[in-house]
Amino acid sequence: MARGGFRFWVLFAVGLVAAGFGALILALIFSRAVVAWGFFGTFVVLACLLVVFAWFYDRRQARRRAAEEA
């Protein structure tokens, strides 16, 4: 039991470090975009990316729902 607990905490720490590096990279990209395009331009680009992601996600979910009904 103690071994499984140790494994959990090691994986948790690794995930936390990975999330920290991911947040750092996103912050660097976001700050560079703000410098290049300003706040409004950055948020427009971010909104467009989110809309594209949402469109792909919705299409995938619609196919899954159609497959479940058939």
PDB file of N, CA and C in Angstrom:
ATOM      1  N   MET A   1       0.827  -1.198   0.000  1.00  0.00           N
ATOM      2  CA  MET A   1       0.000   0.000   0.000  1.00  0.00           C
ATOM      3  C   MET A   1       0.861   1.247   0.000  1.00  0.00           C
ATOM      4  N   ALA A   2       1.915   1.260   0.787  1.00  0.00           N
ATOM      5  CA  ALA A   2       2.770   2.437   0.856  1.00  0.00           C
ATOM      6  C   ALA A   2       3.467   2.676  -0.476  1.00  0.00           C
ATOM      7  N   ARG A   3       3.775   1.575  -1.174  1.00  0.00           N
ATOM      8  CA  ARG A   3       4.442   1.715  -2.461  1.00  0.00           C
ATOM      9  C   ARG A   3       3.541   2.415  -3.475  1.00  0.00           C
ATOM     10  N   GLY A   4       2.267   2.047  -3.495  1.00  0.00           N
ATOM     11  CA  GLY A   4       1.323   2.688  -4.401  1.00  0.00           C
ATOM     12  C   GLY A   4       1.150   4.164  -4.068  1.00  0.00           C
ATOM     13  N   GLY A   5       1.191   4.483  -2.793  1.00  0.00           N
ATOM     14  CA  GLY A   5       1.091   5.874  -2.386  1.00  0.00           C
ATOM     15  C   GLY A   5       2.278   6.688  -2.852  1.00  0.00           C
ATOM     16  N   PHE A   6       3.468   6.103  -2.758  1.00  0.00           N
ATOM     17  CA  PHE A   6       4.671   6.795  -3.220  1.00  0.00           C
ATOM     18  C   PHE A   6       4.614   7.036  -4.720  1.00  0.00           C
ATOM     19  N   ARG A   7       4.161   6.028  -5.456  1.00  0.00           N
ATOM     20  CA  ARG A   7       4.059   6.162  -6.916  1.00  0.00           C
ATOM     21  C   ARG A   7       3.092   7.283  -7.280  1.00  0.00           C
ATOM     22  N   PHE A   8       1.985   7.347  -6.570  1.00  0.00           N
ATOM     23  CA  PHE A   8       1.011   8.408  -6.824  1.00  0.00           C
ATOM     24  C   PHE A   8       1.644   9.778  -6.646  1.00  0.00           C
ATOM     25  N   TRP A   9       2.378   9.971  -5.547  1.00  0.00           N
ATOM     26  CA  TRP A   9       2.948  11.284  -5.277  1.00  0.00           C
ATOM     27  C   TRP A   9       4.059  11.642  -6.257  1.00  0.00           C
ATOM     28  N   VAL A  10       4.802  10.649  -6.723  1.00  0.00           N
ATOM     29  CA  VAL A  10       5.829  10.917  -7.745  1.00  0.00           C
ATOM     30  C   VAL A  10       5.161  11.351  -9.047  1.00  0.00           C
ATOM     31  N   LEU A  11       4.131  10.629  -9.455  1.00  0.00           N
ATOM     32  CA  LEU A  11       3.413  11.001 -10.679  1.00  0.00           C
ATOM     33  C   LEU A  11       2.736  12.355 -10.527  1.00  0.00           C
ATOM     34  N   PHE A  12       2.217  12.629  -9.354  1.00  0.00           N
ATOM     35  CA  PHE A  12       1.598  13.924  -9.089  1.00  0.00           C
ATOM     36  C   PHE A  12       2.623  15.047  -9.222  1.00  0.00           C
ATOM     37  N   ALA A  13       3.823  14.856  -8.653  1.00  0.00           N
ATOM     38  CA  ALA A  13       4.878  15.868  -8.730  1.00  0.00           C
ATOM     39  C   ALA A  13       5.332  16.069 -10.173  1.00  0.00           C
ATOM     40  N   VAL A  14       5.470  14.980 -10.925  1.00  0.00           N
ATOM     41  CA  VAL A  14       5.873  15.089 -12.330  1.00  0.00           C
ATOM     42  C   VAL A  14       4.810  15.841 -13.127  1.00  0.00           C
ATOM     43  N   GLY A  15       3.548  15.524 -12.873  1.00  0.00           N
ATOM     44  CA  GLY A  15       2.463  16.228 -13.558  1.00  0.00           C
ATOM     45  C   GLY A  15       2.424  17.701 -13.206  1.00  0.00           C
ATOM     46  N   LEU A  16       2.694  18.003 -11.951  1.00  0.00           N
ATOM     47  CA  LEU A  16       2.715  19.396 -11.516  1.00  0.00           C
ATOM     48  C   LEU A  16       3.834  20.181 -12.192  1.00  0.00           C
ATOM     49  N   VAL A  17       5.005  19.582 -12.296  1.00  0.00           N
ATOM     50  CA  VAL A  17       6.134  20.231 -12.973  1.00  0.00           C
ATOM     51  C   VAL A  17       5.820  20.413 -14.462  1.00  0.00           C
ATOM     52  N   ALA A  18       5.238  19.391 -15.085  1.00  0.00           N
ATOM     53  CA  ALA A  18       4.878  19.492 -16.504  1.00  0.00           C
ATOM     54  C   ALA A  18       3.837  20.588 -16.729  1.00  0.00           C
ATOM     55  N   ALA A  19       2.856  20.678 -15.840  1.00  0.00           N
ATOM     56  CA  ALA A  19       1.841  21.730 -15.956  1.00  0.00           C
ATOM     57  C   ALA A  19       2.476  23.102 -15.774  1.00  0.00           C
ATOM     58  N   GLY A  20       3.438  23.210 -14.883  1.00  0.00           N
ATOM     59  CA  GLY A  20       4.138  24.481 -14.680  1.00  0.00           C
ATOM     60  C   GLY A  20       4.899  24.915 -15.920  1.00  0.00           C
ATOM     61  N   PHE A  21       5.611  23.968 -16.537  1.00  0.00           N
ATOM     62  CA  PHE A  21       6.327  24.298 -17.772  1.00  0.00           C
ATOM     63  C   PHE A  21       5.362  24.662 -18.895  1.00  0.00           C
ATOM     64  N   GLY A  22       4.239  23.952 -18.978  1.00  0.00           N
ATOM     65  CA  GLY A  22       3.231  24.278 -19.987  1.00  0.00           C
ATOM     66  C   GLY A  22       2.665  25.673 -19.779  1.00  0.00           C
ATOM     67  N   ALA A  23       2.391  26.024 -18.525  1.00  0.00           N
ATOM     68  CA  ALA A  23       1.885  27.367 -18.224  1.00  0.00           C
ATOM     69  C   ALA A  23       2.921  28.426 -18.557  1.00  0.00           C
ATOM     70  N   LEU A  24       4.186  28.140 -18.285  1.00  0.00           N
ATOM     71  CA  LEU A  24       5.264  29.078 -18.619  1.00  0.00           C
ATOM     72  C   LEU A  24       5.338  29.310 -20.117  1.00  0.00           C
ATOM     73  N   ILE A  25       5.261  28.247 -20.884  1.00  0.00           N
ATOM     74  CA  ILE A  25       5.325  28.375 -22.351  1.00  0.00           C
ATOM     75  C   ILE A  25       4.128  29.170 -22.867  1.00  0.00           C
ATOM     76  N   LEU A  26       2.924  28.867 -22.354  1.00  0.00           N
ATOM     77  CA  LEU A  26       1.747  29.622 -22.785  1.00  0.00           C
ATOM     78  C   LEU A  26       1.843  31.094 -22.400  1.00  0.00           C
ATOM     79  N   ALA A  27       2.387  31.386 -21.225  1.00  0.00           N
ATOM     80  CA  ALA A  27       2.544  32.774 -20.803  1.00  0.00           C
ATOM     81  C   ALA A  27       3.535  33.508 -21.697  1.00  0.00           C
ATOM     82  N   LEU A  28       4.615  32.836 -22.073  1.00  0.00           N
ATOM     83  CA  LEU A  28       5.591  33.461 -22.973  1.00  0.00           C
ATOM     84  C   LEU A  28       4.984  33.739 -24.347  1.00  0.00           C
ATOM     85  N   ILE A  29       4.241  32.779 -24.870  1.00  0.00           N
ATOM     86  CA  ILE A  29       3.595  32.978 -26.172  1.00  0.00           C
ATOM     87  C   ILE A  29       2.590  34.119 -26.092  1.00  0.00           C
ATOM     88  N   PHE A  30       1.779  34.129 -25.022  1.00  0.00           N
ATOM     89  CA  PHE A  30       0.766  35.168 -24.860  1.00  0.00           C
ATOM     90  C   PHE A  30       1.415  36.546 -24.725  1.00  0.00           C
ATOM     91  N   SER A  31       2.500  36.656 -23.949  1.00  0.00           N
ATOM     92  CA  SER A  31       3.137  37.964 -23.773  1.00  0.00           C
ATOM     93  C   SER A  31       3.781  38.449 -25.076  1.00  0.00           C
ATOM     94  N   ARG A  32       4.341  37.524 -25.844  1.00  0.00           N
ATOM     95  CA  ARG A  32       4.906  37.923 -27.149  1.00  0.00           C
ATOM     96  C   ARG A  32       3.804  38.409 -28.088  1.00  0.00           C
ATOM     97  N   ALA A  33       2.662  37.745 -28.055  1.00  0.00           N
ATOM     98  CA  ALA A  33       1.548  38.165 -28.905  1.00  0.00           C
ATOM     99  C   ALA A  33       1.025  39.536 -28.477  1.00  0.00           C
ATOM    100  N   VAL A  34       0.982  39.793 -27.182  1.00  0.00           N
ATOM    101  CA  VAL A  34       0.521  41.096 -26.702  1.00  0.00           C
ATOM    102  C   VAL A  34       1.473  42.190 -27.165  1.00  0.00           C
ATOM    103  N   VAL A  35       2.759  41.928 -27.100  1.00  0.00           N
ATOM    104  CA  VAL A  35       3.741  42.924 -27.548  1.00  0.00           C
ATOM    105  C   VAL A  35       3.598  43.168 -29.048  1.00  0.00           C
ATOM    106  N   ALA A  36       3.366  42.098 -29.808  1.00  0.00           N
ATOM    107  CA  ALA A  36       3.302  42.231 -31.263  1.00  0.00           C
ATOM    108  C   ALA A  36       1.985  42.854 -31.733  1.00  0.00           C
ATOM    109  N   TRP A  37       0.838  42.416 -31.151  1.00  0.00           N
ATOM    110  CA  TRP A  37      -0.453  42.824 -31.683  1.00  0.00           C
ATOM    111  C   TRP A  37      -1.277  43.663 -30.729  1.00  0.00           C
ATOM    112  N   GLY A  38      -0.846  43.827 -29.516  1.00  0.00           N
ATOM    113  CA  GLY A  38      -1.645  44.531 -28.518  1.00  0.00           C
ATOM    114  C   GLY A  38      -2.661  43.592 -27.890  1.00  0.00           C
ATOM    115  N   PHE A  39      -3.342  44.095 -26.870  1.00  0.00           N
ATOM    116  CA  PHE A  39      -4.296  43.242 -26.162  1.00  0.00           C
ATOM    117  C   PHE A  39      -5.462  42.830 -27.052  1.00  0.00           C
ATOM    118  N   PHE A  40      -6.016  43.777 -27.785  1.00  0.00           N
ATOM    119  CA  PHE A  40      -7.190  43.466 -28.608  1.00  0.00           C
ATOM    120  C   PHE A  40      -6.854  42.431 -29.675  1.00  0.00           C
ATOM    121  N   GLY A  41      -5.767  42.618 -30.370  1.00  0.00           N
ATOM    122  CA  GLY A  41      -5.364  41.665 -31.411  1.00  0.00           C
ATOM    123  C   GLY A  41      -5.095  40.287 -30.851  1.00  0.00           C
ATOM    124  N   THR A  42      -4.467  40.237 -29.686  1.00  0.00           N
ATOM    125  CA  THR A  42      -4.189  38.950 -29.056  1.00  0.00           C
ATOM    126  C   THR A  42      -5.472  38.232 -28.684  1.00  0.00           C
ATOM    127  N   PHE A  43      -6.427  38.962 -28.114  1.00  0.00           N
ATOM    128  CA  PHE A  43      -7.676  38.325 -27.734  1.00  0.00           C
ATOM    129  C   PHE A  43      -8.512  37.932 -28.949  1.00  0.00           C
ATOM    130  N   VAL A  44      -8.404  38.664 -30.040  1.00  0.00           N
ATOM    131  CA  VAL A  44      -9.103  38.266 -31.262  1.00  0.00           C
ATOM    132  C   VAL A  44      -8.531  36.949 -31.778  1.00  0.00           C
ATOM    133  N   VAL A  45      -7.215  36.837 -31.819  1.00  0.00           N
ATOM    134  CA  VAL A  45      -6.580  35.595 -32.273  1.00  0.00           C
ATOM    135  C   VAL A  45      -6.935  34.445 -31.333  1.00  0.00           C
ATOM    136  N   LEU A  46      -6.888  34.690 -30.026  1.00  0.00           N
ATOM    137  CA  LEU A  46      -7.235  33.659 -29.057  1.00  0.00           C
ATOM    138  C   LEU A  46      -8.688  33.221 -29.220  1.00  0.00           C
ATOM    139  N   ALA A  47      -9.580  34.167 -29.426  1.00  0.00           N
ATOM    140  CA  ALA A  47     -10.998  33.842 -29.628  1.00  0.00           C
ATOM    141  C   ALA A  47     -11.190  33.011 -30.893  1.00  0.00           C
ATOM    142  N   CYS A  48     -10.494  33.364 -31.962  1.00  0.00           N
ATOM    143  CA  CYS A  48     -10.595  32.590 -33.210  1.00  0.00           C
ATOM    144  C   CYS A  48     -10.101  31.160 -33.011  1.00  0.00           C
ATOM    145  N   LEU A  49      -8.996  30.995 -32.297  1.00  0.00           N
ATOM    146  CA  LEU A  49      -8.486  29.650 -32.018  1.00  0.00           C
ATOM    147  C   LEU A  49      -9.479  28.837 -31.193  1.00  0.00           C
ATOM    148  N   LEU A  50     -10.104  29.470 -30.210  1.00  0.00           N
ATOM    149  CA  LEU A  50     -11.086  28.770 -29.392  1.00  0.00           C
ATOM    150  C   LEU A  50     -12.332  28.396 -30.187  1.00  0.00           C
ATOM    151  N   VAL A  51     -12.755  29.259 -31.102  1.00  0.00           N
ATOM    152  CA  VAL A  51     -13.916  28.953 -31.943  1.00  0.00           C
ATOM    153  C   VAL A  51     -13.613  27.767 -32.859  1.00  0.00           C
ATOM    154  N   VAL A  52     -12.417  27.723 -33.432  1.00  0.00           N
ATOM    155  CA  VAL A  52     -12.035  26.602 -34.292  1.00  0.00           C
ATOM    156  C   VAL A  52     -11.991  25.311 -33.475  1.00  0.00           C
ATOM    157  N   PHE A  53     -11.402  25.363 -32.291  1.00  0.00           N
ATOM    158  CA  PHE A  53     -11.357  24.181 -31.429  1.00  0.00           C
ATOM    159  C   PHE A  53     -12.773  23.720 -31.078  1.00  0.00           C
ATOM    160  N   ALA A  54     -13.646  24.652 -30.737  1.00  0.00           N
ATOM    161  CA  ALA A  54     -15.020  24.313 -30.374  1.00  0.00           C
ATOM    162  C   ALA A  54     -15.759  23.696 -31.558  1.00  0.00           C
ATOM    163  N   TRP A  55     -15.502  24.192 -32.752  1.00  0.00           N
ATOM    164  CA  TRP A  55     -16.158  23.650 -33.941  1.00  0.00           C
ATOM    165  C   TRP A  55     -15.749  22.196 -34.166  1.00  0.00           C
ATOM    166  N   PHE A  56     -14.431  21.907 -34.085  1.00  0.00           N
ATOM    167  CA  PHE A  56     -13.964  20.525 -34.241  1.00  0.00           C
ATOM    168  C   PHE A  56     -14.522  19.623 -33.144  1.00  0.00           C
ATOM    169  N   TYR A  57     -14.543  20.112 -31.922  1.00  0.00           N
ATOM    170  CA  TYR A  57     -15.059  19.332 -30.804  1.00  0.00           C
ATOM    171  C   TYR A  57     -16.547  19.023 -31.004  1.00  0.00           C
ATOM    172  N   ASP A  58     -17.309  20.016 -31.428  1.00  0.00           N
ATOM    173  CA  ASP A  58     -18.735  19.823 -31.638  1.00  0.00           C
ATOM    174  C   ASP A  58     -18.999  18.833 -32.759  1.00  0.00           C
ATOM    175  N   ARG A  59     -18.226  18.900 -33.831  1.00  0.00           N
ATOM    176  CA  ARG A  59     -18.401  17.959 -34.938  1.00  0.00           C
ATOM    177  C   ARG A  59     -18.133  16.538 -34.469  1.00  0.00           C
ATOM    178  N   ARG A  60     -17.089  16.365 -33.664  1.00  0.00           N
ATOM    179  CA  ARG A  60     -16.756  15.028 -33.163  1.00  0.00           C
ATOM    180  C   ARG A  60     -17.861  14.500 -32.256  1.00  0.00           C
ATOM    181  N   GLN A  61     -18.386  15.357 -31.390  1.00  0.00           N
ATOM    182  CA  GLN A  61     -19.454  14.930 -30.493  1.00  0.00           C
ATOM    183  C   GLN A  61     -20.727  14.618 -31.275  1.00  0.00           C
ATOM    184  N   ALA A  62     -20.999  15.359 -32.313  1.00  0.00           N
ATOM    185  CA  ALA A  62     -22.199  15.090 -33.133  1.00  0.00           C
ATOM    186  C   ALA A  62     -22.077  13.721 -33.797  1.00  0.00           C
ATOM    187  N   ARG A  63     -20.886  13.373 -34.275  1.00  0.00           N
ATOM    188  CA  ARG A  63     -20.687  12.053 -34.880  1.00  0.00           C
ATOM    189  C   ARG A  63     -20.859  10.955 -33.843  1.00  0.00           C
ATOM    190  N   ARG A  64     -20.355  11.178 -32.644  1.00  0.00           N
ATOM    191  CA  ARG A  64     -20.493  10.173 -31.581  1.00  0.00           C
ATOM    192  C   ARG A  64     -21.961   9.985 -31.213  1.00  0.00           C
ATOM    193  N   ARG A  65     -22.696  11.080 -31.099  1.00  0.00           N
ATOM    194  CA  ARG A  65     -24.112  10.981 -30.762  1.00  0.00           C
ATOM    195  C   ARG A  65     -24.877  10.249 -31.867  1.00  0.00           C
ATOM    196  N   ALA A  66     -24.549  10.542 -33.122  1.00  0.00           N
ATOM    197  CA  ALA A  66     -25.219   9.875 -34.244  1.00  0.00           C
ATOM    198  C   ALA A  66     -24.898   8.378 -34.249  1.00  0.00           C
ATOM    199  N   ALA A  67     -23.676   8.018 -33.907  1.00  0.00           N
ATOM    200  CA  ALA A  67     -23.290   6.607 -33.871  1.00  0.00           C
ATOM    201  C   ALA A  67     -23.989   5.875 -32.719  1.00  0.00           C
ATOM    202  N   GLU A  68     -24.192   6.549 -31.605  1.00  0.00           N
ATOM    203  CA  GLU A  68     -24.870   5.925 -30.473  1.00  0.00           C
ATOM    204  C   GLU A  68     -26.357   5.704 -30.751  1.00  0.00           C
ATOM    205  N   GLU A  69     -26.963   6.627 -31.489  1.00  0.00           N
ATOM    206  CA  GLU A  69     -28.381   6.510 -31.802  1.00  0.00           C
ATOM    207  C   GLU A  69     -28.645   5.435 -32.838  1.00  0.00           C
ATOM    208  N   ALA A  70     -27.684   5.190 -33.717  1.00  0.00           N
ATOM    209  CA  ALA A  70     -27.901   4.213 -34.798  1.00  0.00           C
ATOM    210  C   ALA A  70     -27.748   2.788 -34.312  1.00  0.00           C
TER     211      ALA A  70
END
